[in-house]
Amino acid sequence: MCTHSPTCPDRDSADCCTAQVTSDHHGDQGWCRLCNGVILFDDGHYLTPDGHDATIGLAS
């Protein structure tokens, strides 16, 4: 459950990559975990908790 204000977007929403970064930030490895469970990579790709992968701004 997101405790940010305003609430972070759901992992299934089009703007899922705008959620807040959690403490699981691995900048040295090129990725971070967002509040909604999305894994965001430095190259603009992301992976949702259900395994969906895409690039920010593009649908796959």
C-alpha atoms as a PDB file:
ATOM      1  CA  MET A   1       0.000   0.000   0.000  1.00  0.00           C
ATOM      2  CA  CYS A   2       1.411   3.354  -1.065  1.00  0.00           C
ATOM      3  CA  THR A   3       1.791   5.925   1.694  1.00  0.00           C
ATOM      4  CA  HIS A   4       3.009   8.747  -0.557  1.00  0.00           C
ATOM      5  CA  SER A   5       0.947  11.871  -1.082  1.00  0.00           C
ATOM      6  CA  PRO A   6      -0.255  12.052  -3.760  1.00  0.00           C
ATOM      7  CA  THR A   7      -0.570   8.300  -4.111  1.00  0.00           C
ATOM      8  CA  CYS A   8       1.762   6.649  -6.630  1.00  0.00           C
ATOM      9  CA  PRO A   9       0.170   5.323  -9.832  1.00  0.00           C
ATOM     10  CA  ASP A  10      -0.817   1.669  -9.963  1.00  0.00           C
ATOM     11  CA  ARG A  11       1.585  -0.741 -11.666  1.00  0.00           C
ATOM     12  CA  ASP A  12      -0.996  -1.279 -14.449  1.00  0.00           C
ATOM     13  CA  SER A  13      -1.483   2.404 -15.278  1.00  0.00           C
ATOM     14  CA  ALA A  14       0.098   4.114 -18.277  1.00  0.00           C
ATOM     15  CA  ASP A  15       2.174   6.344 -15.988  1.00  0.00           C
ATOM     16  CA  CYS A  16       3.384   3.513 -13.724  1.00  0.00           C
ATOM     17  CA  CYS A  17       7.007   4.665 -14.042  1.00  0.00           C
ATOM     18  CA  THR A  18       6.290   7.941 -12.258  1.00  0.00           C
ATOM     19  CA  ALA A  19       5.931   6.187  -8.885  1.00  0.00           C
ATOM     20  CA  GLN A  20       8.409   7.051  -6.131  1.00  0.00           C
ATOM     21  CA  VAL A  21      11.690   5.131  -5.904  1.00  0.00           C
ATOM     22  CA  THR A  22      11.866   2.839  -2.862  1.00  0.00           C
ATOM     23  CA  SER A  23      14.900   2.243  -0.710  1.00  0.00           C
ATOM     24  CA  ASP A  24      15.779  -0.632  -3.085  1.00  0.00           C
ATOM     25  CA  HIS A  25      17.775   1.678  -5.367  1.00  0.00           C
ATOM     26  CA  HIS A  26      20.619  -0.009  -7.220  1.00  0.00           C
ATOM     27  CA  GLY A  27      22.025   2.837  -9.308  1.00  0.00           C
ATOM     28  CA  ASP A  28      25.377   1.083  -9.510  1.00  0.00           C
ATOM     29  CA  GLN A  29      23.592  -1.814 -11.261  1.00  0.00           C
ATOM     30  CA  GLY A  30      21.377   0.379 -13.441  1.00  0.00           C
ATOM     31  CA  TRP A  31      17.957  -0.258 -11.917  1.00  0.00           C
ATOM     32  CA  CYS A  32      15.623   0.699  -9.086  1.00  0.00           C
ATOM     33  CA  ARG A  33      12.365  -0.574  -7.627  1.00  0.00           C
ATOM     34  CA  LEU A  34       9.413   1.783  -7.557  1.00  0.00           C
ATOM     35  CA  CYS A  35       6.743   2.016  -4.864  1.00  0.00           C
ATOM     36  CA  ASN A  36       4.250   0.091  -7.025  1.00  0.00           C
ATOM     37  CA  GLY A  37       6.644  -2.834  -7.539  1.00  0.00           C
ATOM     38  CA  VAL A  38       7.817  -1.853 -11.026  1.00  0.00           C
ATOM     39  CA  ILE A  39      11.535  -2.357 -11.744  1.00  0.00           C
ATOM     40  CA  LEU A  40      12.845   0.629 -13.710  1.00  0.00           C
ATOM     41  CA  PHE A  41      16.090   0.319 -15.672  1.00  0.00           C
ATOM     42  CA  ASP A  42      18.387   3.231 -16.543  1.00  0.00           C
ATOM     43  CA  ASP A  43      17.905   2.623 -20.275  1.00  0.00           C
ATOM     44  CA  GLY A  44      14.160   3.387 -20.069  1.00  0.00           C
ATOM     45  CA  HIS A  45      12.882  -0.179 -19.975  1.00  0.00           C
ATOM     46  CA  TYR A  46      10.745  -1.415 -17.118  1.00  0.00           C
ATOM     47  CA  LEU A  47       9.362  -4.668 -15.784  1.00  0.00           C
ATOM     48  CA  THR A  48       6.078  -4.970 -13.896  1.00  0.00           C
ATOM     49  CA  PRO A  49       5.579  -7.472 -11.058  1.00  0.00           C
ATOM     50  CA  ASP A  50       3.503  -9.701 -13.361  1.00  0.00           C
ATOM     51  CA  GLY A  51       6.347  -9.953 -15.894  1.00  0.00           C
ATOM     52  CA  HIS A  52       5.175  -7.377 -18.461  1.00  0.00           C
ATOM     53  CA  ASP A  53       8.123  -5.531 -19.983  1.00  0.00           C
ATOM     54  CA  ALA A  54       8.096  -2.343 -22.022  1.00  0.00           C
ATOM     55  CA  THR A  55       9.940   0.877 -22.725  1.00  0.00           C
ATOM     56  CA  ILE A  56       8.775   4.150 -21.215  1.00  0.00           C
ATOM     57  CA  GLY A  57       6.530   5.825 -23.780  1.00  0.00           C
ATOM     58  CA  LEU A  58       6.063   2.696 -25.902  1.00  0.00           C
ATOM     59  CA  ALA A  59       3.528  -0.097 -25.579  1.00  0.00           C
ATOM     60  CA  SER A  60       4.659  -3.668 -26.036  1.00  0.00           C
END
